[in-house]
Amino acid sequence: MSGSSEPLFPMSTVMQQTDLTARKIRYYEDNNLLAPKRSNGNHRLYSFADIDRLLEIKKLLQKGYTMSVIKKYFADKEKQSQHKISDAEARKIFRDEFKQNFNQKGMH
């Protein structure tokens, strides 16, 4: 693991950074909006990405969105991220289409 998804922070740090209670954070976890990693001692460990998500949940709630709307928002966001392709895959698709068009026009 590396970058923003590496679990680093205990609950107390996350509470300070987000101004959320432990109860609220666990509530979001219980509602499948968050899935922190666990330490060997079974303590929750949060990543920068988890903190970003908590802040986004907090912002959406402050704007008046319901939990069901927020769940759908994150589910849709997850589906979109699963459909992304890498730069290498995009270049291969473009190259293959270019070759196909080039050959169809008789320009080999």
PDB file of N, CA and C in Angstrom:
ATOM      1  N   MET A   1       0.825  -1.188   0.000  1.00  0.00           N
ATOM      2  CA  MET A   1       0.000   0.000   0.000  1.00  0.00           C
ATOM      3  C   MET A   1       0.867   1.249   0.000  1.00  0.00           C
ATOM      4  N   SER A   2       0.346   2.249  -0.652  1.00  0.00           N
ATOM      5  CA  SER A   2       1.087   3.505  -0.626  1.00  0.00           C
ATOM      6  C   SER A   2       0.131   4.656  -0.867  1.00  0.00           C
ATOM      7  N   GLY A   3       0.623   5.833  -0.607  1.00  0.00           N
ATOM      8  CA  GLY A   3      -0.165   7.018  -0.905  1.00  0.00           C
ATOM      9  C   GLY A   3      -1.309   7.234   0.043  1.00  0.00           C
ATOM     10  N   SER A   4      -2.402   7.751  -0.499  1.00  0.00           N
ATOM     11  CA  SER A   4      -3.515   8.184   0.333  1.00  0.00           C
ATOM     12  C   SER A   4      -4.338   7.045   0.906  1.00  0.00           C
ATOM     13  N   SER A   5      -4.120   5.803   0.439  1.00  0.00           N
ATOM     14  CA  SER A   5      -4.925   4.696   0.942  1.00  0.00           C
ATOM     15  C   SER A   5      -4.222   3.901   2.038  1.00  0.00           C
ATOM     16  N   GLU A   6      -3.037   4.306   2.424  1.00  0.00           N
ATOM     17  CA  GLU A   6      -2.306   3.593   3.473  1.00  0.00           C
ATOM     18  C   GLU A   6      -2.863   3.982   4.841  1.00  0.00           C
ATOM     19  N   PRO A   7      -3.318   2.973   5.616  1.00  0.00           N
ATOM     20  CA  PRO A   7      -3.883   3.297   6.932  1.00  0.00           C
ATOM     21  C   PRO A   7      -2.800   3.730   7.915  1.00  0.00           C
ATOM     22  N   LEU A   8      -2.973   4.901   8.481  1.00  0.00           N
ATOM     23  CA  LEU A   8      -1.971   5.473   9.362  1.00  0.00           C
ATOM     24  C   LEU A   8      -2.511   5.969  10.690  1.00  0.00           C
ATOM     25  N   PHE A   9      -3.770   6.393  10.712  1.00  0.00           N
ATOM     26  CA  PHE A   9      -4.263   7.181  11.824  1.00  0.00           C
ATOM     27  C   PHE A   9      -5.249   6.423  12.706  1.00  0.00           C
ATOM     28  N   PRO A  10      -5.100   6.545  14.021  1.00  0.00           N
ATOM     29  CA  PRO A  10      -6.082   5.962  14.935  1.00  0.00           C
ATOM     30  C   PRO A  10      -7.332   6.833  14.994  1.00  0.00           C
ATOM     31  N   MET A  11      -8.368   6.302  15.577  1.00  0.00           N
ATOM     32  CA  MET A  11      -9.657   7.000  15.689  1.00  0.00           C
ATOM     33  C   MET A  11      -9.492   8.386  16.311  1.00  0.00           C
ATOM     34  N   SER A  12      -8.682   8.510  17.362  1.00  0.00           N
ATOM     35  CA  SER A  12      -8.546   9.805  18.055  1.00  0.00           C
ATOM     36  C   SER A  12      -8.031  10.897  17.126  1.00  0.00           C
ATOM     37  N   THR A  13      -7.099  10.564  16.268  1.00  0.00           N
ATOM     38  CA  THR A  13      -6.557  11.539  15.319  1.00  0.00           C
ATOM     39  C   THR A  13      -7.614  11.925  14.293  1.00  0.00           C
ATOM     40  N   VAL A  14      -8.358  10.944  13.829  1.00  0.00           N
ATOM     41  CA  VAL A  14      -9.407  11.203  12.843  1.00  0.00           C
ATOM     42  C   VAL A  14     -10.494  12.093  13.448  1.00  0.00           C
ATOM     43  N   MET A  15     -10.831  11.844  14.699  1.00  0.00           N
ATOM     44  CA  MET A  15     -11.822  12.674  15.376  1.00  0.00           C
ATOM     45  C   MET A  15     -11.365  14.130  15.424  1.00  0.00           C
ATOM     46  N   GLN A  16     -10.101  14.348  15.720  1.00  0.00           N
ATOM     47  CA  GLN A  16      -9.564  15.712  15.780  1.00  0.00           C
ATOM     48  C   GLN A  16      -9.558  16.365  14.406  1.00  0.00           C
ATOM     49  N   GLN A  17      -9.191  15.609  13.384  1.00  0.00           N
ATOM     50  CA  GLN A  17      -9.066  16.167  12.040  1.00  0.00           C
ATOM     51  C   GLN A  17     -10.421  16.461  11.391  1.00  0.00           C
ATOM     52  N   THR A  18     -11.445  15.703  11.761  1.00  0.00           N
ATOM     53  CA  THR A  18     -12.747  15.849  11.113  1.00  0.00           C
ATOM     54  C   THR A  18     -13.794  16.533  11.984  1.00  0.00           C
ATOM     55  N   ASP A  19     -13.492  16.674  13.266  1.00  0.00           N
ATOM     56  CA  ASP A  19     -14.448  17.215  14.237  1.00  0.00           C
ATOM     57  C   ASP A  19     -15.719  16.368  14.284  1.00  0.00           C
ATOM     58  N   LEU A  20     -15.549  15.042  14.141  1.00  0.00           N
ATOM     59  CA  LEU A  20     -16.645  14.088  14.256  1.00  0.00           C
ATOM     60  C   LEU A  20     -16.425  13.243  15.503  1.00  0.00           C
ATOM     61  N   THR A  21     -17.506  12.754  16.085  1.00  0.00           N
ATOM     62  CA  THR A  21     -17.382  11.877  17.243  1.00  0.00           C
ATOM     63  C   THR A  21     -17.075  10.449  16.777  1.00  0.00           C
ATOM     64  N   ALA A  22     -16.546   9.655  17.685  1.00  0.00           N
ATOM     65  CA  ALA A  22     -16.286   8.246  17.373  1.00  0.00           C
ATOM     66  C   ALA A  22     -17.582   7.551  16.989  1.00  0.00           C
ATOM     67  N   ARG A  23     -18.660   7.904  17.665  1.00  0.00           N
ATOM     68  CA  ARG A  23     -19.959   7.302  17.375  1.00  0.00           C
ATOM     69  C   ARG A  23     -20.388   7.571  15.936  1.00  0.00           C
ATOM     70  N   LYS A  24     -20.228   8.821  15.473  1.00  0.00           N
ATOM     71  CA  LYS A  24     -20.603   9.162  14.095  1.00  0.00           C
ATOM     72  C   LYS A  24     -19.726   8.408  13.093  1.00  0.00           C
ATOM     73  N   ILE A  25     -18.438   8.347  13.375  1.00  0.00           N
ATOM     74  CA  ILE A  25     -17.513   7.660  12.466  1.00  0.00           C
ATOM     75  C   ILE A  25     -17.888   6.180  12.366  1.00  0.00           C
ATOM     76  N   ARG A  26     -18.163   5.545  13.505  1.00  0.00           N
ATOM     77  CA  ARG A  26     -18.574   4.133  13.497  1.00  0.00           C
ATOM     78  C   ARG A  26     -19.930   3.972  12.785  1.00  0.00           C
ATOM     79  N   TYR A  27     -20.817   4.955  12.932  1.00  0.00           N
ATOM     80  CA  TYR A  27     -22.107   4.920  12.243  1.00  0.00           C
ATOM     81  C   TYR A  27     -21.909   4.894  10.725  1.00  0.00           C
ATOM     82  N   TYR A  28     -21.016   5.720  10.235  1.00  0.00           N
ATOM     83  CA  TYR A  28     -20.735   5.739   8.796  1.00  0.00           C
ATOM     84  C   TYR A  28     -20.135   4.410   8.355  1.00  0.00           C
ATOM     85  N   GLU A  29     -19.300   3.830   9.194  1.00  0.00           N
ATOM     86  CA  GLU A  29     -18.731   2.513   8.900  1.00  0.00           C
ATOM     87  C   GLU A  29     -19.846   1.461   8.881  1.00  0.00           C
ATOM     88  N   ASP A  30     -20.739   1.501   9.857  1.00  0.00           N
ATOM     89  CA  ASP A  30     -21.858   0.554   9.918  1.00  0.00           C
ATOM     90  C   ASP A  30     -22.768   0.673   8.703  1.00  0.00           C
ATOM     91  N   ASN A  31     -22.818   1.855   8.111  1.00  0.00           N
ATOM     92  CA  ASN A  31     -23.631   2.093   6.915  1.00  0.00           C
ATOM     93  C   ASN A  31     -22.849   1.902   5.619  1.00  0.00           C
ATOM     94  N   ASN A  32     -21.692   1.262   5.733  1.00  0.00           N
ATOM     95  CA  ASN A  32     -20.864   0.912   4.569  1.00  0.00           C
ATOM     96  C   ASN A  32     -20.387   2.114   3.762  1.00  0.00           C
ATOM     97  N   LEU A  33     -20.240   3.243   4.421  1.00  0.00           N
ATOM     98  CA  LEU A  33     -19.682   4.420   3.757  1.00  0.00           C
ATOM     99  C   LEU A  33     -18.178   4.514   3.968  1.00  0.00           C
ATOM    100  N   LEU A  34     -17.659   3.664   4.824  1.00  0.00           N
ATOM    101  CA  LEU A  34     -16.262   3.722   5.212  1.00  0.00           C
ATOM    102  C   LEU A  34     -15.837   2.317   5.635  1.00  0.00           C
ATOM    103  N   ALA A  35     -14.622   1.935   5.292  1.00  0.00           N
ATOM    104  CA  ALA A  35     -14.122   0.606   5.667  1.00  0.00           C
ATOM    105  C   ALA A  35     -12.663   0.724   6.107  1.00  0.00           C
ATOM    106  N   PRO A  36     -12.438   1.209   7.337  1.00  0.00           N
ATOM    107  CA  PRO A  36     -11.051   1.357   7.785  1.00  0.00           C
ATOM    108  C   PRO A  36     -10.378   0.000   7.960  1.00  0.00           C
ATOM    109  N   LYS A  37      -9.086  -0.002   7.816  1.00  0.00           N
ATOM    110  CA  LYS A  37      -8.307  -1.210   8.055  1.00  0.00           C
ATOM    111  C   LYS A  37      -8.242  -1.437   9.560  1.00  0.00           C
ATOM    112  N   ARG A  38      -7.765  -2.596   9.949  1.00  0.00           N
ATOM    113  CA  ARG A  38      -7.625  -2.929  11.364  1.00  0.00           C
ATOM    114  C   ARG A  38      -6.168  -3.274  11.660  1.00  0.00           C
ATOM    115  N   SER A  39      -5.719  -2.850  12.840  1.00  0.00           N
ATOM    116  CA  SER A  39      -4.367  -3.186  13.288  1.00  0.00           C
ATOM    117  C   SER A  39      -4.366  -4.626  13.796  1.00  0.00           C
ATOM    118  N   ASN A  40      -3.185  -5.126  14.128  1.00  0.00           N
ATOM    119  CA  ASN A  40      -3.093  -6.470  14.694  1.00  0.00           C
ATOM    120  C   ASN A  40      -3.905  -6.576  15.979  1.00  0.00           C
ATOM    121  N   GLY A  41      -4.023  -5.494  16.707  1.00  0.00           N
ATOM    122  CA  GLY A  41      -4.805  -5.456  17.930  1.00  0.00           C
ATOM    123  C   GLY A  41      -6.282  -5.145  17.682  1.00  0.00           C
ATOM    124  N   ASN A  42      -6.711  -5.160  16.414  1.00  0.00           N
ATOM    125  CA  ASN A  42      -8.088  -4.927  15.980  1.00  0.00           C
ATOM    126  C   ASN A  42      -8.559  -3.482  16.176  1.00  0.00           C
ATOM    127  N   HIS A  43      -7.628  -2.537  16.264  1.00  0.00           N
ATOM    128  CA  HIS A  43      -7.987  -1.122  16.337  1.00  0.00           C
ATOM    129  C   HIS A  43      -8.151  -0.594  14.918  1.00  0.00           C
ATOM    130  N   ARG A  44      -9.101   0.299  14.738  1.00  0.00           N
ATOM    131  CA  ARG A  44      -9.312   0.907  13.428  1.00  0.00           C
ATOM    132  C   ARG A  44      -8.130   1.809  13.081  1.00  0.00           C
ATOM    133  N   LEU A  45      -7.705   1.727  11.830  1.00  0.00           N
ATOM    134  CA  LEU A  45      -6.664   2.613  11.303  1.00  0.00           C
ATOM    135  C   LEU A  45      -7.196   3.249  10.029  1.00  0.00           C
ATOM    136  N   TYR A  46      -7.079   4.554   9.958  1.00  0.00           N
ATOM    137  CA  TYR A  46      -7.649   5.315   8.854  1.00  0.00           C
ATOM    138  C   TYR A  46      -6.558   5.894   7.966  1.00  0.00           C
ATOM    139  N   SER A  47      -6.882   6.018   6.696  1.00  0.00           N
ATOM    140  CA  SER A  47      -5.973   6.597   5.705  1.00  0.00           C
ATOM    141  C   SER A  47      -6.384   8.041   5.419  1.00  0.00           C
ATOM    142  N   PHE A  48      -5.544   8.729   4.655  1.00  0.00           N
ATOM    143  CA  PHE A  48      -5.911  10.071   4.195  1.00  0.00           C
ATOM    144  C   PHE A  48      -7.209  10.003   3.379  1.00  0.00           C
ATOM    145  N   ALA A  49      -7.347   8.960   2.560  1.00  0.00           N
ATOM    146  CA  ALA A  49      -8.561   8.801   1.753  1.00  0.00           C
ATOM    147  C   ALA A  49      -9.789   8.639   2.650  1.00  0.00           C
ATOM    148  N   ASP A  50      -9.650   7.899   3.750  1.00  0.00           N
ATOM    149  CA  ASP A  50     -10.764   7.748   4.695  1.00  0.00           C
ATOM    150  C   ASP A  50     -11.145   9.100   5.298  1.00  0.00           C
ATOM    151  N   ILE A  51     -10.152   9.883   5.672  1.00  0.00           N
ATOM    152  CA  ILE A  51     -10.407  11.209   6.244  1.00  0.00           C
ATOM    153  C   ILE A  51     -11.095  12.101   5.213  1.00  0.00           C
ATOM    154  N   ASP A  52     -10.625  12.064   3.972  1.00  0.00           N
ATOM    155  CA  ASP A  52     -11.264  12.833   2.900  1.00  0.00           C
ATOM    156  C   ASP A  52     -12.724  12.429   2.739  1.00  0.00           C
ATOM    157  N   ARG A  53     -12.992  11.131   2.801  1.00  0.00           N
ATOM    158  CA  ARG A  53     -14.361  10.648   2.648  1.00  0.00           C
ATOM    159  C   ARG A  53     -15.235  11.119   3.809  1.00  0.00           C
ATOM    160  N   LEU A  54     -14.701  11.051   5.017  1.00  0.00           N
ATOM    161  CA  LEU A  54     -15.462  11.532   6.180  1.00  0.00           C
ATOM    162  C   LEU A  54     -15.801  13.016   6.043  1.00  0.00           C
ATOM    163  N   LEU A  55     -14.839  13.793   5.596  1.00  0.00           N
ATOM    164  CA  LEU A  55     -15.093  15.226   5.413  1.00  0.00           C
ATOM    165  C   LEU A  55     -16.131  15.466   4.316  1.00  0.00           C
ATOM    166  N   GLU A  56     -16.090  14.632   3.281  1.00  0.00           N
ATOM    167  CA  GLU A  56     -17.081  14.762   2.208  1.00  0.00           C
ATOM    168  C   GLU A  56     -18.475  14.381   2.716  1.00  0.00           C
ATOM    169  N   ILE A  57     -18.564  13.319   3.510  1.00  0.00           N
ATOM    170  CA  ILE A  57     -19.843  12.927   4.110  1.00  0.00           C
ATOM    171  C   ILE A  57     -20.374  14.057   4.978  1.00  0.00           C
ATOM    172  N   LYS A  58     -19.505  14.610   5.793  1.00  0.00           N
ATOM    173  CA  LYS A  58     -19.897  15.703   6.690  1.00  0.00           C
ATOM    174  C   LYS A  58     -20.433  16.892   5.886  1.00  0.00           C
ATOM    175  N   LYS A  59     -19.745  17.237   4.803  1.00  0.00           N
ATOM    176  CA  LYS A  59     -20.155  18.361   3.958  1.00  0.00           C
ATOM    177  C   LYS A  59     -21.514  18.086   3.307  1.00  0.00           C
ATOM    178  N   LEU A  60     -21.708  16.871   2.817  1.00  0.00           N
ATOM    179  CA  LEU A  60     -22.975  16.520   2.180  1.00  0.00           C
ATOM    180  C   LEU A  60     -24.131  16.564   3.182  1.00  0.00           C
ATOM    181  N   LEU A  61     -23.880  16.096   4.400  1.00  0.00           N
ATOM    182  CA  LEU A  61     -24.912  16.162   5.436  1.00  0.00           C
ATOM    183  C   LEU A  61     -25.240  17.607   5.787  1.00  0.00           C
ATOM    184  N   GLN A  62     -24.216  18.453   5.858  1.00  0.00           N
ATOM    185  CA  GLN A  62     -24.443  19.876   6.159  1.00  0.00           C
ATOM    186  C   GLN A  62     -25.255  20.555   5.060  1.00  0.00           C
ATOM    187  N   LYS A  63     -25.126  20.061   3.842  1.00  0.00           N
ATOM    188  CA  LYS A  63     -25.900  20.628   2.723  1.00  0.00           C
ATOM    189  C   LYS A  63     -27.327  20.097   2.700  1.00  0.00           C
ATOM    190  N   GLY A  64     -27.635  19.161   3.609  1.00  0.00           N
ATOM    191  CA  GLY A  64     -28.995  18.670   3.718  1.00  0.00           C
ATOM    192  C   GLY A  64     -29.281  17.344   3.039  1.00  0.00           C
ATOM    193  N   TYR A  65     -28.277  16.689   2.502  1.00  0.00           N
ATOM    194  CA  TYR A  65     -28.495  15.401   1.863  1.00  0.00           C
ATOM    195  C   TYR A  65     -28.756  14.336   2.918  1.00  0.00           C
ATOM    196  N   THR A  66     -29.617  13.375   2.590  1.00  0.00           N
ATOM    197  CA  THR A  66     -29.922  12.282   3.509  1.00  0.00           C
ATOM    198  C   THR A  66     -28.874  11.181   3.380  1.00  0.00           C
ATOM    199  N   MET A  67     -28.853  10.298   4.362  1.00  0.00           N
ATOM    200  CA  MET A  67     -27.903   9.187   4.315  1.00  0.00           C
ATOM    201  C   MET A  67     -28.147   8.299   3.097  1.00  0.00           C
ATOM    202  N   SER A  68     -29.401   8.078   2.724  1.00  0.00           N
ATOM    203  CA  SER A  68     -29.669   7.225   1.563  1.00  0.00           C
ATOM    204  C   SER A  68     -29.134   7.863   0.277  1.00  0.00           C
ATOM    205  N   VAL A  69     -29.251   9.171   0.156  1.00  0.00           N
ATOM    206  CA  VAL A  69     -28.717   9.870  -1.023  1.00  0.00           C
ATOM    207  C   VAL A  69     -27.192   9.803  -1.010  1.00  0.00           C
ATOM    208  N   ILE A  70     -26.599   9.972   0.158  1.00  0.00           N
ATOM    209  CA  ILE A  70     -25.135   9.921   0.270  1.00  0.00           C
ATOM    210  C   ILE A  70     -24.619   8.522  -0.065  1.00  0.00           C
ATOM    211  N   LYS A  71     -25.313   7.495   0.397  1.00  0.00           N
ATOM    212  CA  LYS A  71     -24.916   6.112   0.057  1.00  0.00           C
ATOM    213  C   LYS A  71     -24.949   5.907  -1.451  1.00  0.00           C
ATOM    214  N   LYS A  72     -26.021   6.380  -2.082  1.00  0.00           N
ATOM    215  CA  LYS A  72     -26.134   6.236  -3.540  1.00  0.00           C
ATOM    216  C   LYS A  72     -25.031   7.019  -4.246  1.00  0.00           C
ATOM    217  N   TYR A  73     -24.749   8.200  -3.753  1.00  0.00           N
ATOM    218  CA  TYR A  73     -23.684   9.032  -4.334  1.00  0.00           C
ATOM    219  C   TYR A  73     -22.346   8.276  -4.330  1.00  0.00           C
ATOM    220  N   PHE A  74     -21.997   7.692  -3.183  1.00  0.00           N
ATOM    221  CA  PHE A  74     -20.725   6.980  -3.099  1.00  0.00           C
ATOM    222  C   PHE A  74     -20.739   5.672  -3.894  1.00  0.00           C
ATOM    223  N   ALA A  75     -21.895   5.002  -3.960  1.00  0.00           N
ATOM    224  CA  ALA A  75     -22.002   3.787  -4.766  1.00  0.00           C
ATOM    225  C   ALA A  75     -21.795   4.115  -6.244  1.00  0.00           C
ATOM    226  N   ASP A  76     -22.424   5.204  -6.695  1.00  0.00           N
ATOM    227  CA  ASP A  76     -22.254   5.633  -8.089  1.00  0.00           C
ATOM    228  C   ASP A  76     -20.813   6.036  -8.365  1.00  0.00           C
ATOM    229  N   LYS A  77     -20.211   6.720  -7.423  1.00  0.00           N
ATOM    230  CA  LYS A  77     -18.824   7.159  -7.565  1.00  0.00           C
ATOM    231  C   LYS A  77     -17.890   5.946  -7.671  1.00  0.00           C
ATOM    232  N   GLU A  78     -18.175   4.916  -6.882  1.00  0.00           N
ATOM    233  CA  GLU A  78     -17.377   3.688  -6.908  1.00  0.00           C
ATOM    234  C   GLU A  78     -17.521   2.979  -8.249  1.00  0.00           C
ATOM    235  N   LYS A  79     -18.741   2.924  -8.772  1.00  0.00           N
ATOM    236  CA  LYS A  79     -18.962   2.295 -10.079  1.00  0.00           C
ATOM    237  C   LYS A  79     -18.180   3.015 -11.165  1.00  0.00           C
ATOM    238  N   GLN A  80     -18.186   4.342 -11.127  1.00  0.00           N
ATOM    239  CA  GLN A  80     -17.460   5.124 -12.123  1.00  0.00           C
ATOM    240  C   GLN A  80     -15.968   4.867 -12.042  1.00  0.00           C
ATOM    241  N   SER A  81     -15.445   4.757 -10.844  1.00  0.00           N
ATOM    242  CA  SER A  81     -13.999   4.553 -10.699  1.00  0.00           C
ATOM    243  C   SER A  81     -13.577   3.171 -11.170  1.00  0.00           C
ATOM    244  N   GLN A  82     -14.493   2.212 -11.149  1.00  0.00           N
ATOM    245  CA  GLN A  82     -14.171   0.867 -11.623  1.00  0.00           C
ATOM    246  C   GLN A  82     -14.092   0.805 -13.135  1.00  0.00           C
ATOM    247  N   HIS A  83     -14.675   1.783 -13.821  1.00  0.00           N
ATOM    248  CA  HIS A  83     -14.679   1.792 -15.273  1.00  0.00           C
ATOM    249  C   HIS A  83     -13.501   2.555 -15.868  1.00  0.00           C
ATOM    250  N   LYS A  84     -12.663   3.111 -15.037  1.00  0.00           N
ATOM    251  CA  LYS A  84     -11.515   3.859 -15.543  1.00  0.00           C
ATOM    252  C   LYS A  84     -10.484   2.895 -16.112  1.00  0.00           C
ATOM    253  N   ILE A  85      -9.783   3.369 -17.121  1.00  0.00           N
ATOM    254  CA  ILE A  85      -8.706   2.564 -17.692  1.00  0.00           C
ATOM    255  C   ILE A  85      -7.397   3.323 -17.534  1.00  0.00           C
ATOM    256  N   SER A  86      -6.320   2.582 -17.574  1.00  0.00           N
ATOM    257  CA  SER A  86      -5.007   3.196 -17.406  1.00  0.00           C
ATOM    258  C   SER A  86      -4.601   3.921 -18.691  1.00  0.00           C
ATOM    259  N   ASP A  87      -3.581   4.747 -18.581  1.00  0.00           N
ATOM    260  CA  ASP A  87      -3.060   5.441 -19.761  1.00  0.00           C
ATOM    261  C   ASP A  87      -2.568   4.433 -20.793  1.00  0.00           C
ATOM    262  N   ALA A  88      -1.907   3.383 -20.320  1.00  0.00           N
ATOM    263  CA  ALA A  88      -1.385   2.365 -21.231  1.00  0.00           C
ATOM    264  C   ALA A  88      -2.524   1.675 -21.984  1.00  0.00           C
ATOM    265  N   GLU A  89      -3.627   1.379 -21.281  1.00  0.00           N
ATOM    266  CA  GLU A  89      -4.782   0.754 -21.928  1.00  0.00           C
ATOM    267  C   GLU A  89      -5.399   1.701 -22.947  1.00  0.00           C
ATOM    268  N   ALA A  90      -5.495   2.971 -22.608  1.00  0.00           N
ATOM    269  CA  ALA A  90      -6.065   3.960 -23.529  1.00  0.00           C
ATOM    270  C   ALA A  90      -5.197   4.088 -24.779  1.00  0.00           C
ATOM    271  N   ARG A  91      -3.869   4.113 -24.596  1.00  0.00           N
ATOM    272  CA  ARG A  91      -2.971   4.204 -25.752  1.00  0.00           C
ATOM    273  C   ARG A  91      -3.105   2.977 -26.646  1.00  0.00           C
ATOM    274  N   LYS A  92      -3.243   1.784 -26.046  1.00  0.00           N
ATOM    275  CA  LYS A  92      -3.389   0.553 -26.828  1.00  0.00           C
ATOM    276  C   LYS A  92      -4.686   0.593 -27.630  1.00  0.00           C
ATOM    277  N   ILE A  93      -5.777   1.014 -26.998  1.00  0.00           N
ATOM    278  CA  ILE A  93      -7.061   1.110 -27.702  1.00  0.00           C
ATOM    279  C   ILE A  93      -6.952   2.094 -28.861  1.00  0.00           C
ATOM    280  N   PHE A  94      -6.351   3.258 -28.601  1.00  0.00           N
ATOM    281  CA  PHE A  94      -6.189   4.268 -29.647  1.00  0.00           C
ATOM    282  C   PHE A  94      -5.319   3.725 -30.784  1.00  0.00           C
ATOM    283  N   ARG A  95      -4.207   3.077 -30.432  1.00  0.00           N
ATOM    284  CA  ARG A  95      -3.284   2.531 -31.436  1.00  0.00           C
ATOM    285  C   ARG A  95      -3.991   1.469 -32.287  1.00  0.00           C
ATOM    286  N   ASP A  96      -4.756   0.570 -31.635  1.00  0.00           N
ATOM    287  CA  ASP A  96      -5.459  -0.476 -32.371  1.00  0.00           C
ATOM    288  C   ASP A  96      -6.509   0.116 -33.307  1.00  0.00           C
ATOM    289  N   GLU A  97      -7.250   1.131 -32.829  1.00  0.00           N
ATOM    290  CA  GLU A  97      -8.259   1.774 -33.678  1.00  0.00           C
ATOM    291  C   GLU A  97      -7.599   2.518 -34.831  1.00  0.00           C
ATOM    292  N   PHE A  98      -6.475   3.169 -34.540  1.00  0.00           N
ATOM    293  CA  PHE A  98      -5.755   3.892 -35.580  1.00  0.00           C
ATOM    294  C   PHE A  98      -5.281   2.924 -36.669  1.00  0.00           C
ATOM    295  N   LYS A  99      -4.694   1.801 -36.249  1.00  0.00           N
ATOM    296  CA  LYS A  99      -4.224   0.794 -37.216  1.00  0.00           C
ATOM    297  C   LYS A  99      -5.375   0.259 -38.046  1.00  0.00           C
ATOM    298  N   GLN A 100      -6.507  -0.017 -37.382  1.00  0.00           N
ATOM    299  CA  GLN A 100      -7.668  -0.543 -38.087  1.00  0.00           C
ATOM    300  C   GLN A 100      -8.173   0.460 -39.123  1.00  0.00           C
ATOM    301  N   ASN A 101      -8.296   1.733 -38.741  1.00  0.00           N
ATOM    302  CA  ASN A 101      -8.743   2.769 -39.675  1.00  0.00           C
ATOM    303  C   ASN A 101      -7.731   2.962 -40.800  1.00  0.00           C
ATOM    304  N   PHE A 102      -6.457   2.923 -40.457  1.00  0.00           N
ATOM    305  CA  PHE A 102      -5.393   3.099 -41.431  1.00  0.00           C
ATOM    306  C   PHE A 102      -5.453   1.983 -42.477  1.00  0.00           C
ATOM    307  N   ASN A 103      -5.624   0.741 -42.001  1.00  0.00           N
ATOM    308  CA  ASN A 103      -5.669  -0.408 -42.909  1.00  0.00           C
ATOM    309  C   ASN A 103      -6.943  -0.414 -43.734  1.00  0.00           C
ATOM    310  N   GLN A 104      -8.064   0.030 -43.185  1.00  0.00           N
ATOM    311  CA  GLN A 104      -9.325   0.063 -43.917  1.00  0.00           C
ATOM    312  C   GLN A 104      -9.271   1.042 -45.083  1.00  0.00           C
ATOM    313  N   LYS A 105      -8.496   2.098 -44.924  1.00  0.00           N
ATOM    314  CA  LYS A 105      -8.394   3.099 -45.969  1.00  0.00           C
ATOM    315  C   LYS A 105      -7.357   2.740 -47.007  1.00  0.00           C
ATOM    316  N   GLY A 106      -6.738   1.552 -46.839  1.00  0.00           N
ATOM    317  CA  GLY A 106      -5.761   1.096 -47.804  1.00  0.00           C
ATOM    318  C   GLY A 106      -4.466   1.862 -47.779  1.00  0.00           C
ATOM    319  N   MET A 107      -4.078   2.335 -46.626  1.00  0.00           N
ATOM    320  CA  MET A 107      -2.854   3.135 -46.526  1.00  0.00           C
ATOM    321  C   MET A 107      -1.735   2.352 -45.852  1.00  0.00           C
ATOM    322  N   HIS A 108      -1.622   1.084 -46.103  1.00  0.00           N
ATOM    323  CA  HIS A 108      -0.561   0.310 -45.469  1.00  0.00           C
ATOM    324  C   HIS A 108       0.622   0.394 -46.290  1.00  0.00           C
TER     325      HIS A 108
END
